[in-house]
PDB file of N, CA and C in Angstrom:
ATOM      1  N   MET A   1      87.881  85.062 109.545  1.00  0.00           N
ATOM      2  CA  MET A   1      88.804  86.238 110.013  1.00  0.00           C
ATOM      3  C   MET A   1      88.643  87.141 108.227  1.00  0.00           C
ATOM      4  N   VAL A   2      87.965  88.029 108.592  1.00  0.00           N
ATOM      5  CA  VAL A   2      87.878  88.874 107.334  1.00  0.00           C
ATOM      6  C   VAL A   2      89.165  89.436 107.022  1.00  0.00           C
ATOM      7  N   ARG A   3      89.722  89.429 105.425  1.00  0.00           N
ATOM      8  CA  ARG A   3      90.705  90.371 105.180  1.00  0.00           C
ATOM      9  C   ARG A   3      90.452  91.413 104.788  1.00  0.00           C
ATOM     10  N   ALA A   4      91.442  92.685 105.346  1.00  0.00           N
ATOM     11  CA  ALA A   4      91.329  94.089 105.111  1.00  0.00           C
ATOM     12  C   ALA A   4      91.684  93.980 103.615  1.00  0.00           C
ATOM     13  N   ARG A   5      90.838  94.894 102.648  1.00  0.00           N
ATOM     14  CA  ARG A   5      91.017  95.352 101.105  1.00  0.00           C
ATOM     15  C   ARG A   5      92.042  96.367 101.407  1.00  0.00           C
ATOM     16  N   LYS A   6      92.907  96.417 100.329  1.00  0.00           N
ATOM     17  CA  LYS A   6      94.018  97.534 100.177  1.00  0.00           C
ATOM     18  C   LYS A   6      93.559  98.393  99.100  1.00  0.00           C
ATOM     19  N   GLN A   7      94.196  99.558  99.589  1.00  0.00           N
ATOM     20  CA  GLN A   7      94.320 100.651  98.618  1.00  0.00           C
ATOM     21  C   GLN A   7      95.328 100.565  97.761  1.00  0.00           C
ATOM     22  N   ALA A   8      94.778 101.295  96.377  1.00  0.00           N
ATOM     23  CA  ALA A   8      95.853 100.637  95.217  1.00  0.00           C
ATOM     24  C   ALA A   8      97.018 101.767  95.461  1.00  0.00           C
ATOM     25  N   ALA A   9      98.262 101.545  95.280  1.00  0.00           N
ATOM     26  CA  ALA A   9      99.393 102.403  95.692  1.00  0.00           C
ATOM     27  C   ALA A   9      99.364 103.621  94.615  1.00  0.00           C
ATOM     28  N   GLN A  10      99.365 104.715  95.298  1.00  0.00           N
ATOM     29  CA  GLN A  10      99.434 105.773  94.398  1.00  0.00           C
ATOM     30  C   GLN A  10     100.824 107.137  94.950  1.00  0.00           C
ATOM     31  N   ALA A  11     100.549 108.229  94.071  1.00  0.00           N
ATOM     32  CA  ALA A  11     102.162 109.029  94.465  1.00  0.00           C
ATOM     33  C   ALA A  11     101.698 110.191  94.113  1.00  0.00           C
ATOM     34  N   ALA A  12     101.806 111.500  94.594  1.00  0.00           N
ATOM     35  CA  ALA A  12     101.603 112.449  94.296  1.00  0.00           C
ATOM     36  C   ALA A  12     102.223 113.107  93.300  1.00  0.00           C
ATOM     37  N   SER A  13     101.772 114.057  92.500  1.00  0.00           N
ATOM     38  CA  SER A  13     102.088 114.638  91.354  1.00  0.00           C
ATOM     39  C   SER A  13     102.802 115.690  91.506  1.00  0.00           C
ATOM     40  N   GLY A  14     103.671 116.088  90.480  1.00  0.00           N
ATOM     41  CA  GLY A  14     104.367 117.433  90.532  1.00  0.00           C
ATOM     42  C   GLY A  14     105.512 117.474  91.659  1.00  0.00           C
ATOM     43  N   GLN A  15     105.970 116.357  91.582  1.00  0.00           N
ATOM     44  CA  GLN A  15     107.589 115.692  92.696  1.00  0.00           C
ATOM     45  C   GLN A  15     108.831 115.675  91.860  1.00  0.00           C
ATOM     46  N   GLU A  16     109.849 116.007  92.401  1.00  0.00           N
ATOM     47  CA  GLU A  16     111.439 115.831  91.974  1.00  0.00           C
ATOM     48  C   GLU A  16     111.103 114.001  91.474  1.00  0.00           C
ATOM     49  N   TYR A  17     111.980 114.347  90.506  1.00  0.00           N
ATOM     50  CA  TYR A  17     112.272 113.133  89.687  1.00  0.00           C
ATOM     51  C   TYR A  17     112.844 111.985  90.861  1.00  0.00           C
ATOM     52  N   GLY A  18     112.055 110.834  90.611  1.00  0.00           N
ATOM     53  CA  GLY A  18     112.137 109.266  91.529  1.00  0.00           C
ATOM     54  C   GLY A  18     111.707 109.733  92.623  1.00  0.00           C
ATOM     55  N   ARG A  19     110.985 110.705  93.600  1.00  0.00           N
ATOM     56  CA  ARG A  19     110.089 110.481  94.524  1.00  0.00           C
ATOM     57  C   ARG A  19     108.867 109.756  94.110  1.00  0.00           C
ATOM     58  N   ALA A  20     108.356 109.717  93.280  1.00  0.00           N
ATOM     59  CA  ALA A  20     106.847 109.290  93.045  1.00  0.00           C
ATOM     60  C   ALA A  20     107.356 107.671  93.000  1.00  0.00           C
ATOM     61  N   LYS A  21     108.201 107.339  92.391  1.00  0.00           N
ATOM     62  CA  LYS A  21     108.463 105.616  92.631  1.00  0.00           C
ATOM     63  C   LYS A  21     108.812 105.436  93.619  1.00  0.00           C
ATOM     64  N   GLU A  22     109.395 106.263  94.793  1.00  0.00           N
ATOM     65  CA  GLU A  22     109.983 105.810  96.240  1.00  0.00           C
ATOM     66  C   GLU A  22     108.576 105.604  96.816  1.00  0.00           C
ATOM     67  N   GLN A  23     107.640 106.818  96.512  1.00  0.00           N
ATOM     68  CA  GLN A  23     106.139 106.476  96.982  1.00  0.00           C
ATOM     69  C   GLN A  23     105.534 105.023  96.823  1.00  0.00           C
ATOM     70  N   ILE A  24     105.690 104.896  95.993  1.00  0.00           N
ATOM     71  CA  ILE A  24     104.892 103.481  95.169  1.00  0.00           C
ATOM     72  C   ILE A  24     105.756 102.283  96.236  1.00  0.00           C
ATOM     73  N   GLU A  25     106.775 102.488  95.691  1.00  0.00           N
ATOM     74  CA  GLU A  25     107.627 101.100  96.691  1.00  0.00           C
ATOM     75  C   GLU A  25     107.257 101.295  97.998  1.00  0.00           C
ATOM     76  N   ALA A  26     107.486 102.284  98.446  1.00  0.00           N
ATOM     77  CA  ALA A  26     106.951 102.497 100.028  1.00  0.00           C
ATOM     78  C   ALA A  26     105.637 101.743 100.355  1.00  0.00           C
ATOM     79  N   GLN A  27     104.495 102.163  99.787  1.00  0.00           N
ATOM     80  CA  GLN A  27     103.272 101.648 100.016  1.00  0.00           C
ATOM     81  C   GLN A  27     103.081  99.979  99.147  1.00  0.00           C
ATOM     82  N   ALA A  28     104.426  99.729  98.644  1.00  0.00           N
ATOM     83  CA  ALA A  28     104.247  98.276  98.770  1.00  0.00           C
ATOM     84  C   ALA A  28     104.527  97.186  99.472  1.00  0.00           C
ATOM     85  N   GLU A  29     105.722  97.680 100.908  1.00  0.00           N
ATOM     86  CA  GLU A  29     106.134  97.475 101.321  1.00  0.00           C
ATOM     87  C   GLU A  29     104.811  97.341 102.789  1.00  0.00           C
ATOM     88  N   ALA A  30     104.413  98.547 102.769  1.00  0.00           N
ATOM     89  CA  ALA A  30     103.490  98.915 103.975  1.00  0.00           C
ATOM     90  C   ALA A  30     102.074  99.119 103.192  1.00  0.00           C
ATOM     91  N   PRO A  31     101.187  98.721 102.757  1.00  0.00           N
ATOM     92  CA  PRO A  31      99.852  98.795 101.911  1.00  0.00           C
ATOM     93  C   PRO A  31      99.019  99.518 102.991  1.00  0.00           C
ATOM     94  N   LEU A  32      98.314 100.620 102.769  1.00  0.00           N
ATOM     95  CA  LEU A  32      97.162 101.084 103.524  1.00  0.00           C
ATOM     96  C   LEU A  32      95.973 100.336 103.537  1.00  0.00           C
ATOM     97  N   PRO A  33      94.580 100.267 104.525  1.00  0.00           N
ATOM     98  CA  PRO A  33      93.709  99.472 103.985  1.00  0.00           C
ATOM     99  C   PRO A  33      92.831 100.205 103.556  1.00  0.00           C
ATOM    100  N   ALA A  34      91.627  99.937 102.950  1.00  0.00           N
ATOM    101  CA  ALA A  34      90.629 100.419 102.509  1.00  0.00           C
ATOM    102  C   ALA A  34      89.775 101.371 103.411  1.00  0.00           C
ATOM    103  N   ASN A  35      89.416 100.523 104.533  1.00  0.00           N
ATOM    104  CA  ASN A  35      88.521 100.735 105.184  1.00  0.00           C
ATOM    105  C   ASN A  35      89.032 102.164 106.249  1.00  0.00           C
ATOM    106  N   ILE A  36      89.243 103.016 105.778  1.00  0.00           N
ATOM    107  CA  ILE A  36      89.843 104.070 107.251  1.00  0.00           C
ATOM    108  C   ILE A  36      88.582 104.890 107.551  1.00  0.00           C
ATOM    109  N   LEU A  37      88.688 104.552 108.759  1.00  0.00           N
ATOM    110  CA  LEU A  37      87.729 105.014 109.689  1.00  0.00           C
ATOM    111  C   LEU A  37      88.156 106.225 110.366  1.00  0.00           C
ATOM    112  N   PRO A  38      87.499 107.112 110.585  1.00  0.00           N
ATOM    113  CA  PRO A  38      87.808 108.475 111.652  1.00  0.00           C
ATOM    114  C   PRO A  38      87.564 108.035 113.104  1.00  0.00           C
ATOM    115  N   LEU A  39      88.941 108.600 113.961  1.00  0.00           N
ATOM    116  CA  LEU A  39      88.972 107.986 115.238  1.00  0.00           C
ATOM    117  C   LEU A  39      87.480 108.820 115.884  1.00  0.00           C
ATOM    118  N   PRO A  40      86.903 107.688 117.148  1.00  0.00           N
ATOM    119  CA  PRO A  40      85.985 108.507 117.781  1.00  0.00           C
ATOM    120  C   PRO A  40      86.263 109.664 118.771  1.00  0.00           C
ATOM    121  N   VAL A  41      85.260 110.194 118.456  1.00  0.00           N
ATOM    122  CA  VAL A  41      85.171 111.320 119.377  1.00  0.00           C
ATOM    123  C   VAL A  41      84.665 111.565 120.764  1.00  0.00           C
ATOM    124  N   ALA A  42      85.660 111.890 121.882  1.00  0.00           N
ATOM    125  CA  ALA A  42      85.139 111.630 123.287  1.00  0.00           C
ATOM    126  C   ALA A  42      84.125 112.172 123.545  1.00  0.00           C
ATOM    127  N   PRO A  43      82.761 111.706 124.623  1.00  0.00           N
ATOM    128  CA  PRO A  43      81.932 112.965 124.570  1.00  0.00           C
ATOM    129  C   PRO A  43      82.139 114.453 125.556  1.00  0.00           C
ATOM    130  N   SER A  44      81.485 115.276 125.250  1.00  0.00           N
ATOM    131  CA  SER A  44      81.718 116.160 125.817  1.00  0.00           C
ATOM    132  C   SER A  44      80.391 116.790 126.753  1.00  0.00           C
ATOM    133  N   ALA A  45      80.961 117.327 127.655  1.00  0.00           N
ATOM    134  CA  ALA A  45      79.797 117.912 128.761  1.00  0.00           C
ATOM    135  C   ALA A  45      79.268 119.375 127.581  1.00  0.00           C
ATOM    136  N   GLY A  46      77.715 119.550 127.622  1.00  0.00           N
ATOM    137  CA  GLY A  46      77.828 120.583 126.787  1.00  0.00           C
ATOM    138  C   GLY A  46      76.079 121.478 127.663  1.00  0.00           C
ATOM    139  N   PRO A  47      75.774 122.157 127.017  1.00  0.00           N
ATOM    140  CA  PRO A  47      74.505 123.119 127.561  1.00  0.00           C
ATOM    141  C   PRO A  47      73.499 122.084 127.805  1.00  0.00           C
ATOM    142  N   LEU A  48      73.655 121.238 126.545  1.00  0.00           N
ATOM    143  CA  LEU A  48      72.275 120.084 126.204  1.00  0.00           C
ATOM    144  C   LEU A  48      72.292 118.758 127.356  1.00  0.00           C
ATOM    145  N   LYS A  49      73.507 118.686 128.007  1.00  0.00           N
ATOM    146  CA  LYS A  49      73.661 117.629 129.035  1.00  0.00           C
ATOM    147  C   LYS A  49      73.311 117.962 130.425  1.00  0.00           C
ATOM    148  N   THR A  50      73.575 119.528 130.733  1.00  0.00           N
ATOM    149  CA  THR A  50      73.350 120.098 132.100  1.00  0.00           C
ATOM    150  C   THR A  50      72.001 119.657 132.477  1.00  0.00           C
ATOM    151  N   PRO A  51      71.799 119.550 133.740  1.00  0.00           N
ATOM    152  CA  PRO A  51      70.288 119.659 133.865  1.00  0.00           C
ATOM    153  C   PRO A  51      69.718 120.791 134.404  1.00  0.00           C
ATOM    154  N   ASP A  52      68.246 121.152 133.821  1.00  0.00           N
ATOM    155  CA  ASP A  52      67.492 122.177 133.908  1.00  0.00           C
ATOM    156  C   ASP A  52      67.748 122.500 135.556  1.00  0.00           C
ATOM    157  N   ALA A  53      68.035 124.321 135.669  1.00  0.00           N
ATOM    158  CA  ALA A  53      67.944 124.402 137.072  1.00  0.00           C
ATOM    159  C   ALA A  53      66.714 125.013 137.640  1.00  0.00           C
ATOM    160  N   PHE A  54      65.888 125.102 136.775  1.00  0.00           N
ATOM    161  CA  PHE A  54      64.220 125.183 137.184  1.00  0.00           C
ATOM    162  C   PHE A  54      63.487 123.759 137.028  1.00  0.00           C
ATOM    163  N   GLY A  55      64.274 122.775 136.807  1.00  0.00           N
ATOM    164  CA  GLY A  55      63.257 121.484 136.414  1.00  0.00           C
ATOM    165  C   GLY A  55      63.298 120.803 137.768  1.00  0.00           C
ATOM    166  N   GLN A  56      62.456 119.525 137.486  1.00  0.00           N
ATOM    167  CA  GLN A  56      62.317 118.794 138.383  1.00  0.00           C
ATOM    168  C   GLN A  56      63.924 118.359 139.437  1.00  0.00           C
ATOM    169  N   THR A  57      63.573 118.202 140.745  1.00  0.00           N
ATOM    170  CA  THR A  57      64.800 117.832 141.334  1.00  0.00           C
ATOM    171  C   THR A  57      65.247 116.290 141.034  1.00  0.00           C
ATOM    172  N   VAL A  58      66.373 115.877 141.118  1.00  0.00           N
ATOM    173  CA  VAL A  58      66.949 114.844 141.155  1.00  0.00           C
ATOM    174  C   VAL A  58      66.891 113.765 142.451  1.00  0.00           C
ATOM    175  N   ARG A  59      66.682 114.599 143.377  1.00  0.00           N
ATOM    176  CA  ARG A  59      66.776 113.611 144.767  1.00  0.00           C
ATOM    177  C   ARG A  59      65.907 114.588 145.424  1.00  0.00           C
ATOM    178  N   PRO A  60      64.381 114.097 145.545  1.00  0.00           N
ATOM    179  CA  PRO A  60      63.234 114.643 146.054  1.00  0.00           C
ATOM    180  C   PRO A  60      63.164 114.557 147.651  1.00  0.00           C
ATOM    181  N   ASP A  61      64.252 113.516 147.916  1.00  0.00           N
ATOM    182  CA  ASP A  61      63.959 112.963 149.262  1.00  0.00           C
ATOM    183  C   ASP A  61      64.990 113.600 150.141  1.00  0.00           C
ATOM    184  N   GLU A  62      65.827 114.440 149.667  1.00  0.00           N
ATOM    185  CA  GLU A  62      66.629 115.083 150.582  1.00  0.00           C
ATOM    186  C   GLU A  62      66.096 116.839 150.687  1.00  0.00           C
ATOM    187  N   PRO A  63      66.229 117.067 152.027  1.00  0.00           N
ATOM    188  CA  PRO A  63      66.159 118.354 152.319  1.00  0.00           C
ATOM    189  C   PRO A  63      66.916 119.611 151.960  1.00  0.00           C
ATOM    190  N   ILE A  64      66.619 120.866 151.439  1.00  0.00           N
ATOM    191  CA  ILE A  64      67.318 121.433 150.956  1.00  0.00           C
ATOM    192  C   ILE A  64      68.300 122.303 151.943  1.00  0.00           C
ATOM    193  N   TRP A  65      67.844 122.203 153.049  1.00  0.00           N
ATOM    194  CA  TRP A  65      68.649 122.680 154.039  1.00  0.00           C
ATOM    195  C   TRP A  65      69.973 121.772 154.469  1.00  0.00           C
ATOM    196  N   SER A  66      70.207 120.413 154.054  1.00  0.00           N
ATOM    197  CA  SER A  66      70.754 119.532 154.325  1.00  0.00           C
ATOM    198  C   SER A  66      72.283 119.800 154.234  1.00  0.00           C
ATOM    199  N   PRO A  67      73.860 119.811 154.854  1.00  0.00           N
ATOM    200  CA  PRO A  67      74.939 120.560 154.488  1.00  0.00           C
ATOM    201  C   PRO A  67      75.375 119.538 153.045  1.00  0.00           C
ATOM    202  N   PRO A  68      76.309 120.101 152.350  1.00  0.00           N
ATOM    203  CA  PRO A  68      76.588 119.733 151.821  1.00  0.00           C
ATOM    204  C   PRO A  68      77.751 118.580 151.698  1.00  0.00           C
ATOM    205  N   MET A  69      78.491 118.510 152.878  1.00  0.00           N
ATOM    206  CA  MET A  69      79.199 117.510 153.280  1.00  0.00           C
ATOM    207  C   MET A  69      78.994 117.307 154.784  1.00  0.00           C
ATOM    208  N   PRO A  70      79.085 116.160 154.952  1.00  0.00           N
ATOM    209  CA  PRO A  70      78.959 115.607 156.828  1.00  0.00           C
ATOM    210  C   PRO A  70      80.007 116.391 157.530  1.00  0.00           C
ATOM    211  N   ARG A  71      79.307 116.966 158.772  1.00  0.00           N
ATOM    212  CA  ARG A  71      80.184 117.709 159.680  1.00  0.00           C
ATOM    213  C   ARG A  71      80.112 116.973 160.930  1.00  0.00           C
ATOM    214  N   GLY A  72      80.595 117.338 161.727  1.00  0.00           N
ATOM    215  CA  GLY A  72      81.019 116.778 162.844  1.00  0.00           C
ATOM    216  C   GLY A  72      81.653 115.400 163.031  1.00  0.00           C
ATOM    217  N   PRO A  73      81.388 114.275 164.227  1.00  0.00           N
ATOM    218  CA  PRO A  73      82.452 113.304 164.188  1.00  0.00           C
ATOM    219  C   PRO A  73      82.508 112.727 162.704  1.00  0.00           C
ATOM    220  N   ALA A  74      81.042 112.472 161.909  1.00  0.00           N
ATOM    221  CA  ALA A  74      81.237 111.378 160.875  1.00  0.00           C
ATOM    222  C   ALA A  74      81.945 112.730 159.688  1.00  0.00           C
ATOM    223  N   ALA A  75      82.418 113.479 160.192  1.00  0.00           N
ATOM    224  CA  ALA A  75      82.969 114.099 158.723  1.00  0.00           C
ATOM    225  C   ALA A  75      84.295 113.256 158.423  1.00  0.00           C
ATOM    226  N   GLN A  76      84.492 113.252 157.277  1.00  0.00           N
ATOM    227  CA  GLN A  76      85.924 112.896 156.720  1.00  0.00           C
ATOM    228  C   GLN A  76      86.990 113.836 156.729  1.00  0.00           C
ATOM    229  N   PRO A  77      88.144 113.286 157.456  1.00  0.00           N
ATOM    230  CA  PRO A  77      89.170 114.444 158.159  1.00  0.00           C
ATOM    231  C   PRO A  77      89.565 114.673 156.198  1.00  0.00           C
ATOM    232  N   THR A  78      90.101 116.226 156.279  1.00  0.00           N
ATOM    233  CA  THR A  78      90.284 116.835 154.969  1.00  0.00           C
ATOM    234  C   THR A  78      92.270 116.924 154.944  1.00  0.00           C
ATOM    235  N   GLY A  79      92.295 116.687 156.149  1.00  0.00           N
ATOM    236  CA  GLY A  79      93.891 117.194 156.025  1.00  0.00           C
ATOM    237  C   GLY A  79      93.998 118.986 156.235  1.00  0.00           C
ATOM    238  N   HIS A  80      93.486 119.742 156.576  1.00  0.00           N
ATOM    239  CA  HIS A  80      93.576 121.132 156.410  1.00  0.00           C
ATOM    240  C   HIS A  80      93.022 121.228 157.933  1.00  0.00           C
ATOM    241  N   THR A  81      94.423 122.167 158.757  1.00  0.00           N
ATOM    242  CA  THR A  81      94.676 122.220 159.808  1.00  0.00           C
ATOM    243  C   THR A  81      94.561 123.649 160.051  1.00  0.00           C
ATOM    244  N   HIS A  82      94.088 124.233 161.136  1.00  0.00           N
ATOM    245  CA  HIS A  82      94.133 125.987 161.578  1.00  0.00           C
ATOM    246  C   HIS A  82      95.983 126.176 161.353  1.00  0.00           C
ATOM    247  N   GLN A  83      96.778 125.432 161.738  1.00  0.00           N
ATOM    248  CA  GLN A  83      98.119 125.742 161.578  1.00  0.00           C
ATOM    249  C   GLN A  83      98.097 125.829 160.264  1.00  0.00           C
ATOM    250  N   ARG A  84      97.934 124.871 159.199  1.00  0.00           N
ATOM    251  CA  ARG A  84      97.671 124.813 157.628  1.00  0.00           C
ATOM    252  C   ARG A  84      97.403 126.008 157.222  1.00  0.00           C
ATOM    253  N   ALA A  85      96.219 126.689 157.671  1.00  0.00           N
ATOM    254  CA  ALA A  85      95.783 127.806 156.995  1.00  0.00           C
ATOM    255  C   ALA A  85      96.069 129.151 157.449  1.00  0.00           C
ATOM    256  N   GLN A  86      96.907 128.965 158.559  1.00  0.00           N
ATOM    257  CA  GLN A  86      97.562 130.312 159.262  1.00  0.00           C
ATOM    258  C   GLN A  86      99.151 130.635 157.884  1.00  0.00           C
ATOM    259  N   LYS A  87      99.454 129.183 157.450  1.00  0.00           N
ATOM    260  CA  LYS A  87     100.523 129.433 156.822  1.00  0.00           C
ATOM    261  C   LYS A  87     100.103 129.824 155.748  1.00  0.00           C
ATOM    262  N   LEU A  88      99.148 129.232 155.159  1.00  0.00           N
ATOM    263  CA  LEU A  88      98.671 129.818 153.885  1.00  0.00           C
ATOM    264  C   LEU A  88      98.418 130.892 153.651  1.00  0.00           C
ATOM    265  N   GLY A  89      97.866 131.497 154.358  1.00  0.00           N
ATOM    266  CA  GLY A  89      97.408 133.021 154.741  1.00  0.00           C
ATOM    267  C   GLY A  89      98.706 134.249 154.695  1.00  0.00           C
ATOM    268  N   ILE A  90      99.893 132.995 154.936  1.00  0.00           N
ATOM    269  CA  ILE A  90     101.068 134.337 154.955  1.00  0.00           C
ATOM    270  C   ILE A  90     102.191 133.913 153.432  1.00  0.00           C
ATOM    271  N   ILE A  91     101.644 132.785 153.023  1.00  0.00           N
ATOM    272  CA  ILE A  91     102.470 132.654 151.789  1.00  0.00           C
ATOM    273  C   ILE A  91     101.472 133.000 150.807  1.00  0.00           C
ATOM    274  N   ILE A  92      99.990 133.095 150.761  1.00  0.00           N
ATOM    275  CA  ILE A  92      99.354 133.386 149.766  1.00  0.00           C
ATOM    276  C   ILE A  92      99.825 135.133 148.948  1.00  0.00           C
ATOM    277  N   PRO A  93      99.884 135.909 149.963  1.00  0.00           N
ATOM    278  CA  PRO A  93      99.931 137.232 149.344  1.00  0.00           C
ATOM    279  C   PRO A  93     101.211 137.273 148.722  1.00  0.00           C
ATOM    280  N   GLY A  94     102.068 136.819 149.309  1.00  0.00           N
ATOM    281  CA  GLY A  94     103.646 136.854 148.523  1.00  0.00           C
ATOM    282  C   GLY A  94     103.550 136.430 147.150  1.00  0.00           C
ATOM    283  N   LEU A  95     102.523 135.016 147.262  1.00  0.00           N
ATOM    284  CA  LEU A  95     102.616 134.831 145.950  1.00  0.00           C
ATOM    285  C   LEU A  95     101.948 135.570 144.704  1.00  0.00           C
ATOM    286  N   LEU A  96     100.811 135.834 145.174  1.00  0.00           N
ATOM    287  CA  LEU A  96     100.084 136.730 144.255  1.00  0.00           C
ATOM    288  C   LEU A  96     100.707 138.053 144.263  1.00  0.00           C
ATOM    289  N   ALA A  97     101.573 138.613 144.845  1.00  0.00           N
ATOM    290  CA  ALA A  97     102.364 139.979 144.672  1.00  0.00           C
ATOM    291  C   ALA A  97     103.502 139.110 143.369  1.00  0.00           C
ATOM    292  N   THR A  98     104.163 138.251 143.488  1.00  0.00           N
ATOM    293  CA  THR A  98     104.875 137.869 142.941  1.00  0.00           C
ATOM    294  C   THR A  98     104.398 137.766 141.339  1.00  0.00           C
ATOM    295  N   MET A  99     103.071 136.854 141.231  1.00  0.00           N
ATOM    296  CA  MET A  99     102.332 136.977 140.151  1.00  0.00           C
ATOM    297  C   MET A  99     102.029 138.147 139.203  1.00  0.00           C
ATOM    298  N   GLY A 100     101.639 139.184 140.423  1.00  0.00           N
ATOM    299  CA  GLY A 100     100.947 140.619 139.851  1.00  0.00           C
ATOM    300  C   GLY A 100     102.258 141.537 139.147  1.00  0.00           C
ATOM    301  N   SER A 101     103.690 141.100 139.582  1.00  0.00           N
ATOM    302  CA  SER A 101     104.721 141.641 138.861  1.00  0.00           C
ATOM    303  C   SER A 101     105.286 141.260 137.860  1.00  0.00           C
ATOM    304  N   SER A 102     104.881 140.070 137.162  1.00  0.00           N
ATOM    305  CA  SER A 102     105.435 139.543 135.917  1.00  0.00           C
ATOM    306  C   SER A 102     104.976 140.262 134.900  1.00  0.00           C
ATOM    307  N   ASN A 103     105.461 140.009 133.706  1.00  0.00           N
ATOM    308  CA  ASN A 103     105.378 140.693 132.906  1.00  0.00           C
ATOM    309  C   ASN A 103     104.191 140.242 131.907  1.00  0.00           C
ATOM    310  N   PHE A 104     104.220 138.865 132.357  1.00  0.00           N
ATOM    311  CA  PHE A 104     102.841 137.972 131.360  1.00  0.00           C
ATOM    312  C   PHE A 104     101.255 138.491 132.021  1.00  0.00           C
ATOM    313  N   VAL A 105     101.456 139.442 133.096  1.00  0.00           N
ATOM    314  CA  VAL A 105      99.938 139.665 133.365  1.00  0.00           C
ATOM    315  C   VAL A 105      99.163 140.550 132.967  1.00  0.00           C
ATOM    316  N   THR A 106      97.802 140.087 132.753  1.00  0.00           N
ATOM    317  CA  THR A 106      97.271 141.805 131.854  1.00  0.00           C
ATOM    318  C   THR A 106      96.653 142.822 132.840  1.00  0.00           C
ATOM    319  N   PRO A 107      96.872 143.667 132.497  1.00  0.00           N
ATOM    320  CA  PRO A 107      96.332 144.946 133.628  1.00  0.00           C
ATOM    321  C   PRO A 107      95.287 144.695 134.236  1.00  0.00           C
ATOM    322  N   ALA A 108      94.453 144.112 133.794  1.00  0.00           N
ATOM    323  CA  ALA A 108      92.641 143.596 134.712  1.00  0.00           C
ATOM    324  C   ALA A 108      93.610 142.901 135.608  1.00  0.00           C
ATOM    325  N   THR A 109      94.462 141.399 135.582  1.00  0.00           N
ATOM    326  CA  THR A 109      94.790 140.798 136.677  1.00  0.00           C
ATOM    327  C   THR A 109      95.242 141.894 137.982  1.00  0.00           C
ATOM    328  N   ARG A 110      96.383 142.418 137.198  1.00  0.00           N
ATOM    329  CA  ARG A 110      96.728 143.329 138.228  1.00  0.00           C
ATOM    330  C   ARG A 110      96.165 143.989 139.015  1.00  0.00           C
ATOM    331  N   LYS A 111      94.933 144.357 138.238  1.00  0.00           N
ATOM    332  CA  LYS A 111      93.933 145.477 139.295  1.00  0.00           C
ATOM    333  C   LYS A 111      93.407 144.457 140.287  1.00  0.00           C
ATOM    334  N   VAL A 112      93.155 143.299 139.750  1.00  0.00           N
ATOM    335  CA  VAL A 112      92.093 142.252 140.860  1.00  0.00           C
ATOM    336  C   VAL A 112      92.903 141.890 141.865  1.00  0.00           C
ATOM    337  N   LEU A 113      94.609 141.878 141.290  1.00  0.00           N
ATOM    338  CA  LEU A 113      95.987 141.526 142.768  1.00  0.00           C
ATOM    339  C   LEU A 113      95.713 142.765 143.855  1.00  0.00           C
ATOM    340  N   ARG A 114      95.784 143.915 142.969  1.00  0.00           N
ATOM    341  CA  ARG A 114      95.703 144.735 143.761  1.00  0.00           C
ATOM    342  C   ARG A 114      94.899 145.044 145.005  1.00  0.00           C
ATOM    343  N   GLN A 115      93.331 145.160 144.311  1.00  0.00           N
ATOM    344  CA  GLN A 115      91.992 144.790 145.216  1.00  0.00           C
ATOM    345  C   GLN A 115      91.896 144.350 146.387  1.00  0.00           C
ATOM    346  N   TYR A 116      92.650 142.886 145.728  1.00  0.00           N
ATOM    347  CA  TYR A 116      92.900 141.678 147.066  1.00  0.00           C
ATOM    348  C   TYR A 116      93.613 142.089 148.386  1.00  0.00           C
ATOM    349  N   GLU A 117      95.051 142.594 147.498  1.00  0.00           N
ATOM    350  CA  GLU A 117      95.759 142.920 148.371  1.00  0.00           C
ATOM    351  C   GLU A 117      95.504 144.222 149.701  1.00  0.00           C
ATOM    352  N   ALA A 118      94.448 144.773 148.862  1.00  0.00           N
ATOM    353  CA  ALA A 118      94.113 146.283 149.842  1.00  0.00           C
ATOM    354  C   ALA A 118      93.261 145.621 150.886  1.00  0.00           C
ATOM    355  N   SER A 119      92.641 144.498 150.465  1.00  0.00           N
ATOM    356  CA  SER A 119      91.624 144.367 151.386  1.00  0.00           C
ATOM    357  C   SER A 119      91.751 143.239 152.614  1.00  0.00           C
ATOM    358  N   ILE A 120      93.338 142.569 152.345  1.00  0.00           N
ATOM    359  CA  ILE A 120      93.630 141.864 153.414  1.00  0.00           C
ATOM    360  C   ILE A 120      94.339 142.618 154.546  1.00  0.00           C
ATOM    361  N   VAL A 121      93.355 141.916 155.664  1.00  0.00           N
ATOM    362  CA  VAL A 121      93.931 143.054 156.888  1.00  0.00           C
ATOM    363  C   VAL A 121      95.301 142.232 157.579  1.00  0.00           C
ATOM    364  N   PRO A 122      96.453 142.580 157.770  1.00  0.00           N
ATOM    365  CA  PRO A 122      97.655 142.315 157.884  1.00  0.00           C
ATOM    366  C   PRO A 122      97.643 141.780 159.499  1.00  0.00           C
ATOM    367  N   LEU A 123      98.163 140.479 159.294  1.00  0.00           N
ATOM    368  CA  LEU A 123      98.112 139.407 160.508  1.00  0.00           C
ATOM    369  C   LEU A 123      99.413 140.168 161.465  1.00  0.00           C
ATOM    370  N   THR A 124      98.889 140.329 162.429  1.00  0.00           N
ATOM    371  CA  THR A 124      99.577 140.409 163.983  1.00  0.00           C
ATOM    372  C   THR A 124     100.137 139.528 165.179  1.00  0.00           C
ATOM    373  N   ASP A 125     100.906 139.271 165.301  1.00  0.00           N
ATOM    374  CA  ASP A 125     101.652 138.477 166.026  1.00  0.00           C
ATOM    375  C   ASP A 125     100.882 139.016 167.828  1.00  0.00           C
ATOM    376  N   ALA A 126      99.804 138.417 168.311  1.00  0.00           N
ATOM    377  CA  ALA A 126      99.139 138.638 169.374  1.00  0.00           C
ATOM    378  C   ALA A 126      99.217 138.075 170.792  1.00  0.00           C
TER     379      ALA A 126
END
């Protein structure tokens, strides 16, 4: 096992009387290692890592007209039902109206919300 080398104890200059001695004593209790390495950086997605939109395909055997998700009896249940969609259709406009009346919303966001509200067809109980 390799022992870590230690840094020499040092104190900042221009401090109050007695502070430098406290720092030196504290470093004697818990010395700093000499081989301090920077923390590793997590990989991030960037334009260099995204595939070329006009490049070669990654799935040459898959037809372009195949659906993105399986449909019919083979499809996995999503939990979204017609009743849930109706409930969301009733709740969402009220939530957006509340958001639009907030003091923290920009005028551009208010404009988009008003355009959305104008485009909604009112539900009728038929």
